[in-house]
Amino acid sequence: MLNALNDPFLPSRALPSSDQVAAAVKLDYPREGGHVGFVSGSFPGRLDWLPDRLLHLFQHEVG
């Protein structure tokens, strides 16, 4: 589960902790990222944050 802690629509207090989910669920709560798409950088922003984060996760979990 990937959700930024500064998501304005889903506050961090609503996110489950590791003891509230199955052991097979990986929780990833970056400090910043906003909501859906994780746009980063100056306007108009870049949309590469989410794909980069997922690739990093899969490389460390699988490899």
N, C-alpha and C. Protein backbone atom coordinates (compact mmCIF):
# COMPACT_ATOMS: atom_id res chain seq x y z
N MET A 1 0.85 -1.16 0.00
CA MET A 1 0.00 0.00 0.00
C MET A 1 0.90 1.22 0.00
N LEU A 2 0.70 2.07 -0.97
CA LEU A 2 1.49 3.28 -1.11
C LEU A 2 0.59 4.49 -0.94
N ASN A 3 0.90 5.32 0.03
CA ASN A 3 0.12 6.53 0.26
C ASN A 3 1.00 7.56 0.96
N ALA A 4 1.07 8.74 0.40
CA ALA A 4 1.86 9.82 1.00
C ALA A 4 1.19 10.31 2.28
N LEU A 5 2.00 10.62 3.27
CA LEU A 5 1.47 11.13 4.54
C LEU A 5 0.87 12.52 4.41
N ASN A 6 1.26 13.25 3.36
CA ASN A 6 0.68 14.59 3.17
C ASN A 6 -0.46 14.60 2.14
N ASP A 7 -1.07 13.45 1.90
CA ASP A 7 -2.22 13.36 0.99
C ASP A 7 -3.38 14.16 1.58
N PRO A 8 -3.88 15.18 0.87
CA PRO A 8 -4.93 16.03 1.44
C PRO A 8 -6.31 15.35 1.50
N PHE A 9 -6.50 14.23 0.78
CA PHE A 9 -7.79 13.56 0.77
C PHE A 9 -7.85 12.35 1.69
N LEU A 10 -6.70 11.78 2.00
CA LEU A 10 -6.63 10.62 2.89
C LEU A 10 -5.58 10.92 3.96
N PRO A 11 -6.00 11.48 5.07
CA PRO A 11 -5.04 11.89 6.10
C PRO A 11 -4.33 10.69 6.72
N SER A 12 -3.13 10.94 7.20
CA SER A 12 -2.31 9.87 7.76
C SER A 12 -2.99 9.15 8.91
N ARG A 13 -3.84 9.82 9.65
CA ARG A 13 -4.52 9.17 10.78
C ARG A 13 -5.49 8.08 10.31
N ALA A 14 -5.86 8.10 9.03
CA ALA A 14 -6.77 7.09 8.48
C ALA A 14 -6.04 5.88 7.91
N LEU A 15 -4.71 5.95 7.84
CA LEU A 15 -3.94 4.86 7.25
C LEU A 15 -3.72 3.74 8.26
N PRO A 16 -3.81 2.49 7.81
CA PRO A 16 -3.60 1.37 8.74
C PRO A 16 -2.13 1.22 9.11
N SER A 17 -1.91 0.66 10.28
CA SER A 17 -0.55 0.33 10.70
C SER A 17 -0.27 -1.12 10.34
N SER A 18 0.97 -1.53 10.46
CA SER A 18 1.35 -2.88 10.05
C SER A 18 0.61 -3.97 10.84
N ASP A 19 0.20 -3.67 12.07
CA ASP A 19 -0.53 -4.68 12.83
C ASP A 19 -2.02 -4.73 12.47
N GLN A 20 -2.45 -3.87 11.56
CA GLN A 20 -3.84 -3.86 11.12
C GLN A 20 -4.03 -4.47 9.73
N VAL A 21 -2.95 -4.92 9.11
CA VAL A 21 -3.04 -5.52 7.78
C VAL A 21 -2.39 -6.89 7.79
N ALA A 22 -2.66 -7.67 6.77
CA ALA A 22 -2.06 -9.00 6.66
C ALA A 22 -0.55 -8.87 6.49
N ALA A 23 0.16 -9.89 6.90
CA ALA A 23 1.62 -9.89 6.82
C ALA A 23 2.12 -9.74 5.38
N ALA A 24 1.31 -10.14 4.41
CA ALA A 24 1.70 -10.05 3.00
C ALA A 24 1.58 -8.63 2.45
N VAL A 25 0.99 -7.73 3.20
CA VAL A 25 0.79 -6.35 2.74
C VAL A 25 2.01 -5.51 3.13
N LYS A 26 2.60 -4.87 2.14
CA LYS A 26 3.75 -3.98 2.36
C LYS A 26 3.22 -2.55 2.43
N LEU A 27 3.47 -1.88 3.55
CA LEU A 27 3.04 -0.49 3.71
C LEU A 27 4.19 0.44 3.37
N ASP A 28 3.92 1.44 2.57
CA ASP A 28 4.91 2.43 2.19
C ASP A 28 4.26 3.79 2.29
N TYR A 29 4.63 4.55 3.32
CA TYR A 29 4.05 5.86 3.57
C TYR A 29 5.14 6.94 3.50
N PRO A 30 5.47 7.39 2.30
CA PRO A 30 6.46 8.47 2.21
C PRO A 30 5.91 9.75 2.83
N ARG A 31 6.79 10.57 3.35
CA ARG A 31 6.41 11.83 3.99
C ARG A 31 5.68 12.76 3.03
N GLU A 32 6.16 12.83 1.80
CA GLU A 32 5.58 13.74 0.81
C GLU A 32 5.18 12.96 -0.43
N GLY A 33 4.33 13.57 -1.22
CA GLY A 33 3.90 12.95 -2.46
C GLY A 33 2.53 13.44 -2.89
N GLY A 34 1.77 13.97 -1.94
CA GLY A 34 0.46 14.49 -2.30
C GLY A 34 -0.55 13.40 -2.59
N HIS A 35 -1.40 13.62 -3.58
CA HIS A 35 -2.50 12.71 -3.88
C HIS A 35 -2.45 12.24 -5.34
N VAL A 36 -2.61 11.00 -5.57
CA VAL A 36 -2.74 10.36 -6.87
C VAL A 36 -1.75 10.88 -7.91
N GLY A 37 -0.83 10.05 -8.29
CA GLY A 37 0.12 10.42 -9.32
C GLY A 37 1.44 10.92 -8.80
N PHE A 38 1.46 11.42 -7.60
CA PHE A 38 2.69 11.85 -6.98
C PHE A 38 3.50 12.76 -7.91
N VAL A 39 2.89 13.87 -8.29
CA VAL A 39 3.57 14.86 -9.12
C VAL A 39 4.69 15.49 -8.28
N SER A 40 5.86 15.62 -8.89
CA SER A 40 6.98 16.20 -8.15
C SER A 40 7.65 17.28 -8.98
N GLY A 41 8.41 18.14 -8.32
CA GLY A 41 9.15 19.19 -9.01
C GLY A 41 8.33 20.44 -9.23
N SER A 42 8.96 21.40 -9.88
CA SER A 42 8.32 22.68 -10.17
C SER A 42 7.23 22.51 -11.22
N PHE A 43 6.31 23.47 -11.25
CA PHE A 43 5.22 23.46 -12.22
C PHE A 43 5.78 23.32 -13.63
N PRO A 44 5.27 22.49 -14.47
CA PRO A 44 4.06 21.70 -14.31
C PRO A 44 4.27 20.36 -13.59
N GLY A 45 5.46 20.10 -13.16
CA GLY A 45 5.75 18.89 -12.40
C GLY A 45 6.14 17.72 -13.28
N ARG A 46 6.63 16.69 -12.62
CA ARG A 46 7.02 15.46 -13.32
C ARG A 46 6.17 14.32 -12.75
N LEU A 47 5.91 13.35 -13.58
CA LEU A 47 5.10 12.21 -13.15
C LEU A 47 5.93 10.94 -13.00
N ASP A 48 7.23 11.09 -12.79
CA ASP A 48 8.09 9.90 -12.72
C ASP A 48 8.29 9.38 -11.30
N TRP A 49 7.78 10.07 -10.29
CA TRP A 49 7.99 9.65 -8.92
C TRP A 49 7.39 8.28 -8.65
N LEU A 50 6.13 8.07 -9.02
CA LEU A 50 5.46 6.81 -8.73
C LEU A 50 6.11 5.63 -9.46
N PRO A 51 6.35 5.70 -10.77
CA PRO A 51 7.03 4.57 -11.42
C PRO A 51 8.41 4.28 -10.81
N ASP A 52 9.16 5.31 -10.49
CA ASP A 52 10.47 5.12 -9.87
C ASP A 52 10.35 4.44 -8.51
N ARG A 53 9.36 4.85 -7.73
CA ARG A 53 9.16 4.27 -6.40
C ARG A 53 8.78 2.79 -6.51
N LEU A 54 7.92 2.45 -7.46
CA LEU A 54 7.51 1.06 -7.66
C LEU A 54 8.67 0.20 -8.14
N LEU A 55 9.45 0.71 -9.07
CA LEU A 55 10.62 -0.05 -9.54
C LEU A 55 11.59 -0.31 -8.40
N HIS A 56 11.82 0.69 -7.58
CA HIS A 56 12.71 0.54 -6.43
C HIS A 56 12.17 -0.55 -5.47
N LEU A 57 10.87 -0.52 -5.22
CA LEU A 57 10.26 -1.51 -4.34
C LEU A 57 10.42 -2.92 -4.90
N PHE A 58 10.13 -3.10 -6.18
CA PHE A 58 10.21 -4.43 -6.77
C PHE A 58 11.64 -4.93 -6.83
N GLN A 59 12.59 -4.04 -7.07
CA GLN A 59 14.00 -4.46 -7.12
C GLN A 59 14.46 -4.94 -5.76
N HIS A 60 13.98 -4.34 -4.68
CA HIS A 60 14.41 -4.73 -3.35
C HIS A 60 13.61 -5.91 -2.79
N GLU A 61 12.38 -6.07 -3.22
CA GLU A 61 11.54 -7.17 -2.73
C GLU A 61 11.81 -8.45 -3.50
N VAL A 62 12.07 -8.35 -4.79
CA VAL A 62 12.22 -9.52 -5.64
C VAL A 62 13.70 -9.89 -5.80
N GLY A 63 14.53 -8.87 -5.99
CA GLY A 63 15.93 -9.10 -6.31
C GLY A 63 16.78 -9.29 -5.17
